[in-house]
Structures are given as structure tokens and as C-alpha cells.
C-alpha atoms as a PDB file:
ATOM      1  CA  MET A   1      -6.194  24.586 -30.503  1.00  0.00           C
ATOM      2  CA  LYS A   2      -7.000  25.902 -26.585  1.00  0.00           C
ATOM      3  CA  SER A   3     -10.057  23.475 -26.683  1.00  0.00           C
ATOM      4  CA  TYR A   4      -8.119  20.458 -27.647  1.00  0.00           C
ATOM      5  CA  ILE A   5      -5.376  21.142 -24.945  1.00  0.00           C
ATOM      6  CA  LEU A   6      -8.433  21.342 -22.279  1.00  0.00           C
ATOM      7  CA  GLY A   7      -9.896  17.936 -23.783  1.00  0.00           C
ATOM      8  CA  TRP A   8      -6.730  16.173 -23.162  1.00  0.00           C
ATOM      9  CA  ALA A   9      -6.001  17.670 -20.220  1.00  0.00           C
ATOM     10  CA  SER A  10      -9.645  16.532 -18.878  1.00  0.00           C
ATOM     11  CA  ALA A  11      -8.747  13.066 -20.338  1.00  0.00           C
ATOM     12  CA  VAL A  12      -5.664  12.948 -18.459  1.00  0.00           C
ATOM     13  CA  VAL A  13      -7.448  13.939 -15.251  1.00  0.00           C
ATOM     14  CA  MET A  14     -10.086  11.282 -15.355  1.00  0.00           C
ATOM     15  CA  ALA A  15      -7.770   8.584 -16.593  1.00  0.00           C
ATOM     16  CA  ALA A  16      -5.514   9.315 -13.059  1.00  0.00           C
ATOM     17  CA  VAL A  17      -8.849   9.410 -10.757  1.00  0.00           C
ATOM     18  CA  SER A  18     -10.367   6.305 -12.455  1.00  0.00           C
ATOM     19  CA  ALA A  19      -6.915   4.769 -11.789  1.00  0.00           C
ATOM     20  CA  GLY A  20      -7.050   5.536  -8.064  1.00  0.00           C
ATOM     21  CA  LEU A  21      -4.743   6.849  -5.575  1.00  0.00           C
ATOM     22  CA  VAL A  22      -3.128   3.095  -5.195  1.00  0.00           C
ATOM     23  CA  PRO A  23      -3.963   1.161  -8.385  1.00  0.00           C
ATOM     24  CA  VAL A  24      -4.161  -2.379  -8.119  1.00  0.00           C
ATOM     25  CA  ALA A  25      -1.060  -4.019  -9.261  1.00  0.00           C
ATOM     26  CA  ALA A  26       0.109  -7.705  -8.557  1.00  0.00           C
ATOM     27  CA  PHE A  27       3.268  -8.228  -6.786  1.00  0.00           C
ATOM     28  CA  LYS A  28       5.026 -10.256  -4.360  1.00  0.00           C
ATOM     29  CA  LEU A  29       6.957  -9.258  -1.435  1.00  0.00           C
ATOM     30  CA  ASN A  30       9.327 -11.423   0.143  1.00  0.00           C
ATOM     31  CA  ILE A  31      10.474 -10.484   3.712  1.00  0.00           C
ATOM     32  CA  THR A  32      14.105 -10.812   4.337  1.00  0.00           C
ATOM     33  CA  GLU A  33      13.997  -9.566   8.130  1.00  0.00           C
ATOM     34  CA  PRO A  34      14.768 -12.640  10.214  1.00  0.00           C
ATOM     35  CA  THR A  35      12.848 -11.719  13.091  1.00  0.00           C
ATOM     36  CA  SER A  36       9.576 -11.261  10.873  1.00  0.00           C
ATOM     37  CA  LYS A  37       6.720 -13.768  11.338  1.00  0.00           C
ATOM     38  CA  LEU A  38       5.686 -12.634   8.050  1.00  0.00           C
ATOM     39  CA  LYS A  39       7.295 -14.326   5.229  1.00  0.00           C
ATOM     40  CA  THR A  40       5.334 -12.878   1.928  1.00  0.00           C
ATOM     41  CA  ILE A  41       3.096 -10.549   1.166  1.00  0.00           C
ATOM     42  CA  GLU A  42       1.305 -11.056  -2.482  1.00  0.00           C
ATOM     43  CA  MET A  43      -1.161  -8.911  -4.405  1.00  0.00           C
ATOM     44  CA  LYS A  44      -3.349 -10.392  -7.029  1.00  0.00           C
ATOM     45  CA  PRO A  45      -4.535  -8.586 -10.127  1.00  0.00           C
ATOM     46  CA  ASP A  46      -8.031  -8.640  -8.253  1.00  0.00           C
ATOM     47  CA  GLY A  47      -6.439  -6.852  -5.786  1.00  0.00           C
ATOM     48  CA  ALA A  48      -6.517  -9.452  -2.993  1.00  0.00           C
ATOM     49  CA  VAL A  49      -3.850  -9.194  -0.484  1.00  0.00           C
ATOM     50  CA  LEU A  50      -2.233 -12.623   0.534  1.00  0.00           C
ATOM     51  CA  TYR A  51       0.124 -12.548   4.126  1.00  0.00           C
ATOM     52  CA  ASN A  52       1.765 -15.816   3.955  1.00  0.00           C
ATOM     53  CA  ASP A  53      -0.147 -17.447   1.281  1.00  0.00           C
ATOM     54  CA  VAL A  54      -3.570 -16.412   2.886  1.00  0.00           C
ATOM     55  CA  ALA A  55      -5.671 -14.114   1.366  1.00  0.00           C
ATOM     56  CA  THR A  56      -6.870 -11.550   4.257  1.00  0.00           C
ATOM     57  CA  ALA A  57      -7.312  -8.410   2.633  1.00  0.00           C
ATOM     58  CA  LYS A  58      -8.071  -6.991  -0.389  1.00  0.00           C
ATOM     59  CA  LEU A  59      -7.558  -3.617  -2.144  1.00  0.00           C
ATOM     60  CA  VAL A  60     -10.771  -1.659  -3.296  1.00  0.00           C
ATOM     61  CA  LYS A  61     -10.527   1.235  -4.879  1.00  0.00           C
ATOM     62  CA  ASP A  62      -8.404   3.793  -2.216  1.00  0.00           C
ATOM     63  CA  SER A  63      -8.838   1.271   0.540  1.00  0.00           C
ATOM     64  CA  LEU A  64      -7.474  -1.665   1.805  1.00  0.00           C
ATOM     65  CA  VAL A  65     -10.265  -3.936   3.275  1.00  0.00           C
ATOM     66  CA  ASP A  66     -10.575  -6.831   5.552  1.00  0.00           C
ATOM     67  CA  ALA A  67     -12.560  -9.988   5.119  1.00  0.00           C
ATOM     68  CA  SER A  68     -15.727  -8.497   6.330  1.00  0.00           C
ATOM     69  CA  GLY A  69     -15.090  -5.727   3.989  1.00  0.00           C
ATOM     70  CA  LYS A  70     -14.396  -2.852   6.695  1.00  0.00           C
ATOM     71  CA  PRO A  71     -11.200  -0.555   5.912  1.00  0.00           C
ATOM     72  CA  ILE A  72      -7.862  -1.634   7.197  1.00  0.00           C
ATOM     73  CA  LEU A  73      -6.347   1.375   5.592  1.00  0.00           C
ATOM     74  CA  THR A  74      -8.318   4.540   3.707  1.00  0.00           C
ATOM     75  CA  VAL A  75      -6.182   6.880   1.180  1.00  0.00           C
ATOM     76  CA  ALA A  76      -7.427  10.146   0.933  1.00  0.00           C
ATOM     77  CA  ALA A  77      -7.123  12.448  -2.042  1.00  0.00           C
ATOM     78  CA  ASP A  78      -4.254  14.605  -0.400  1.00  0.00           C
ATOM     79  CA  GLY A  79      -2.305  11.267   0.257  1.00  0.00           C
ATOM     80  CA  SER A  80      -3.231  11.062   3.989  1.00  0.00           C
ATOM     81  CA  VAL A  81      -3.591   7.557   5.064  1.00  0.00           C
ATOM     82  CA  THR A  82      -6.696   6.823   7.524  1.00  0.00           C
ATOM     83  CA  VAL A  83      -6.300   3.862   9.924  1.00  0.00           C
ATOM     84  CA  ALA A  84      -9.147   2.174  10.890  1.00  0.00           C
ATOM     85  CA  GLY A  85      -9.951   2.415  14.960  1.00  0.00           C
ATOM     86  CA  ASP A  86      -7.159   4.858  15.410  1.00  0.00           C
ATOM     87  CA  GLU A  87      -9.039   7.701  16.728  1.00  0.00           C
ATOM     88  CA  LYS A  88      -6.165   9.398  18.391  1.00  0.00           C
ATOM     89  CA  GLY A  89      -4.116   9.837  15.398  1.00  0.00           C
ATOM     90  CA  ILE A  90      -1.240   7.788  16.578  1.00  0.00           C
ATOM     91  CA  PHE A  91      -0.595   6.356  13.102  1.00  0.00           C
ATOM     92  CA  ARG A  92      -0.347   9.613  10.748  1.00  0.00           C
ATOM     93  CA  LEU A  93       0.669   8.129   7.646  1.00  0.00           C
ATOM     94  CA  LYS A  94       0.808   9.895   4.183  1.00  0.00           C
ATOM     95  CA  PHE A  95       1.723   9.317   0.896  1.00  0.00           C
ATOM     96  CA  VAL A  96       4.088  11.718  -0.556  1.00  0.00           C
ATOM     97  CA  GLY A  97       4.885  10.913  -4.276  1.00  0.00           C
ATOM     98  CA  ASP A  98       5.621   7.330  -4.351  1.00  0.00           C
ATOM     99  CA  GLU A  99       6.906   7.370  -0.701  1.00  0.00           C
ATOM    100  CA  LEU A 100       4.650   6.365   2.493  1.00  0.00           C
ATOM    101  CA  LEU A 101       5.691   8.713   5.252  1.00  0.00           C
ATOM    102  CA  LEU A 102       5.349   7.503   9.057  1.00  0.00           C
ATOM    103  CA  ALA A 103       4.224  10.590  11.670  1.00  0.00           C
ATOM    104  CA  ASP A 104       7.177  12.517  10.512  1.00  0.00           C
ATOM    105  CA  LYS A 105       9.439  10.284  11.915  1.00  0.00           C
ATOM    106  CA  GLY A 106      10.328   7.314   9.104  1.00  0.00           C
ATOM    107  CA  LYS A 107       9.209   6.607   5.360  1.00  0.00           C
ATOM    108  CA  ILE A 108       8.584   3.213   3.738  1.00  0.00           C
ATOM    109  CA  ILE A 109      10.097   3.133   0.126  1.00  0.00           C
ATOM    110  CA  VAL A 110      10.385   0.949  -3.001  1.00  0.00           C
ATOM    111  CA  GLY A 111      13.253   1.380  -4.552  1.00  0.00           C
ATOM    112  CA  ASP A 112      13.053   1.236  -8.662  1.00  0.00           C
ATOM    113  CA  ASP A 113      15.050  -2.221  -8.041  1.00  0.00           C
ATOM    114  CA  GLY A 114      12.332  -3.801  -5.835  1.00  0.00           C
ATOM    115  CA  THR A 115      13.881  -3.189  -2.908  1.00  0.00           C
ATOM    116  CA  VAL A 116      11.514  -2.371   0.477  1.00  0.00           C
ATOM    117  CA  HIS A 117      13.310   0.062   2.770  1.00  0.00           C
ATOM    118  CA  SER A 118      11.962   1.010   6.264  1.00  0.00           C
ATOM    119  CA  GLN A 119      13.997   4.345   7.296  1.00  0.00           C
ATOM    120  CA  THR A 120      13.325   5.582  10.726  1.00  0.00           C
ATOM    121  CA  GLY A 121      15.838   8.536  11.641  1.00  0.00           C
ATOM    122  CA  PRO A 122      19.116   7.826  10.305  1.00  0.00           C
ATOM    123  CA  LYS A 123      18.485   4.147  10.382  1.00  0.00           C
ATOM    124  CA  ASP A 124      17.708   2.300   6.876  1.00  0.00           C
ATOM    125  CA  ARG A 125      16.549  -1.397   7.281  1.00  0.00           C
ATOM    126  CA  ILE A 126      15.847  -3.211   4.166  1.00  0.00           C
ATOM    127  CA  VAL A 127      12.688  -5.228   4.636  1.00  0.00           C
ATOM    128  CA  GLY A 128      12.542  -7.629   1.584  1.00  0.00           C
ATOM    129  CA  LYS A 129      12.276  -7.250  -2.264  1.00  0.00           C
ATOM    130  CA  VAL A 130       9.561  -7.325  -4.606  1.00  0.00           C
ATOM    131  CA  GLU A 131       9.363 -10.331  -6.722  1.00  0.00           C
ATOM    132  CA  ALA A 132       7.564  -8.978  -9.822  1.00  0.00           C
ATOM    133  CA  ALA A 133       8.129  -5.699 -10.776  1.00  0.00           C
ATOM    134  CA  SER A 134       5.111  -3.687  -9.258  1.00  0.00           C
ATOM    135  CA  LYS A 135       3.563  -0.953 -10.886  1.00  0.00           C
ATOM    136  CA  SER A 136       2.296   0.622  -8.284  1.00  0.00           C
ATOM    137  CA  LYS A 137       4.939   1.202  -5.426  1.00  0.00           C
ATOM    138  CA  ARG A 138       2.047   2.412  -3.123  1.00  0.00           C
ATOM    139  CA  ALA A 139      -0.002  -0.935  -3.127  1.00  0.00           C
ATOM    140  CA  VAL A 140       3.231  -2.825  -2.062  1.00  0.00           C
ATOM    141  CA  GLU A 141       3.802   0.012   0.534  1.00  0.00           C
ATOM    142  CA  LEU A 142       0.418  -0.049   1.553  1.00  0.00           C
ATOM    143  CA  SER A 143       0.104  -3.836   2.075  1.00  0.00           C
ATOM    144  CA  TYR A 144       3.146  -3.724   3.941  1.00  0.00           C
ATOM    145  CA  ILE A 145       2.380  -1.213   6.694  1.00  0.00           C
ATOM    146  CA  ALA A 146      -1.064  -2.512   7.201  1.00  0.00           C
ATOM    147  CA  MET A 147       0.501  -5.720   9.132  1.00  0.00           C
ATOM    148  CA  SER A 148       2.305  -3.305  11.103  1.00  0.00           C
ATOM    149  CA  VAL A 149      -0.652  -1.038  12.452  1.00  0.00           C
ATOM    150  CA  HIS A 150      -3.101  -4.309  12.117  1.00  0.00           C
ATOM    151  CA  ALA A 151      -1.060  -7.189  13.480  1.00  0.00           C
ATOM    152  CA  ASP A 152      -4.083  -9.305  13.259  1.00  0.00           C
ATOM    153  CA  ILE A 153      -4.122  -8.844   9.290  1.00  0.00           C
ATOM    154  CA  VAL A 154      -2.785 -12.325   9.200  1.00  0.00           C
ATOM    155  CA  GLY A 155      -6.250 -13.943  10.372  1.00  0.00           C
ATOM    156  CA  PRO A 156      -9.174 -15.178   8.717  1.00  0.00           C
ATOM    157  CA  PRO A 157      -8.987 -15.613   4.845  1.00  0.00           C
ATOM    158  CA  LEU A 158     -11.204 -13.856   2.575  1.00  0.00           C
ATOM    159  CA  PRO A 159     -14.913 -15.120   1.466  1.00  0.00           C
ATOM    160  CA  LYS A 160     -13.953 -17.037  -1.765  1.00  0.00           C
END
């Protein structure tokens, strides 16, 4: 009995590792903030991320990479998120469960109904709504925060 349980537990752990910390999951987020220049963020089944209908990033393993393949954001095993070019550690980001914490001052949350919230202090802003139910709230949150920490993400398209 013991070996059966250990074998099953190993299979569960291996499945979780192979799925990655941020699994690729197709979604489309419609931004509803009236002041935002960004109107949509979409992830295709292959991990390509489109900002305003232009593919400029891709989710590869646990990193969101730009058109040149350089990481923009990388998620570590402990859930911490490294932002490329942030040597001073200004953007202290970390996943706790399915919430992305922002430098201990706020968080990005995808509700079960697909509503995306940005919470800073007591303020709760509705950012938009995920059109297709996403199997990865983390993929939505990572793709959304990328445009905040790298404004130039809506830049050169991915090579075809």
C-alpha cells in the first residue's frame, strides 16, 4: 500500500512540475479602464500573448519573453517574479496561490467570474473581464502586469 501511495504522490508532483508554475491557457481579457491605451490582452494556445491584437510576447515555461526571446518576467519555484532590468528590486512581485502580490502594497486578482481586480490599499479597481474562462489565473495576471512593468511590451511583434 505504501509504495502505491508514494507512486501516486510522485505522479502528482511530476504532473504539477511539467505543467509549470504558470500554465499556458488561452484567454482574452477585455480592458474596461477608460484611461487605458490597452484594450485587449489575449493568450493563444501556443503561449503567444497579444496586446491590442499584436503578438509581442510569449509564455515559455515560466517566463514571459519578448520578440527577441529575452525574459520580461520570470516566475521562480517559490512564486517570486523577477522583472528584467529591475536590478534595484523596485517591482517586488510574488504569486501567493492564484493572486499576484505587488510589493506588499497591492495585488492583481482574477475572480472566479473572470473579473480582473487591481487592489492597492483599500482601493479596488476593476481592470477588465476575461472573455474565455481561463484555466490559469496566473497567466492572465502575469500578462496584465507585464504591460505595467514594461510599457514597451506593446512594441515590435513576434517573428512569424
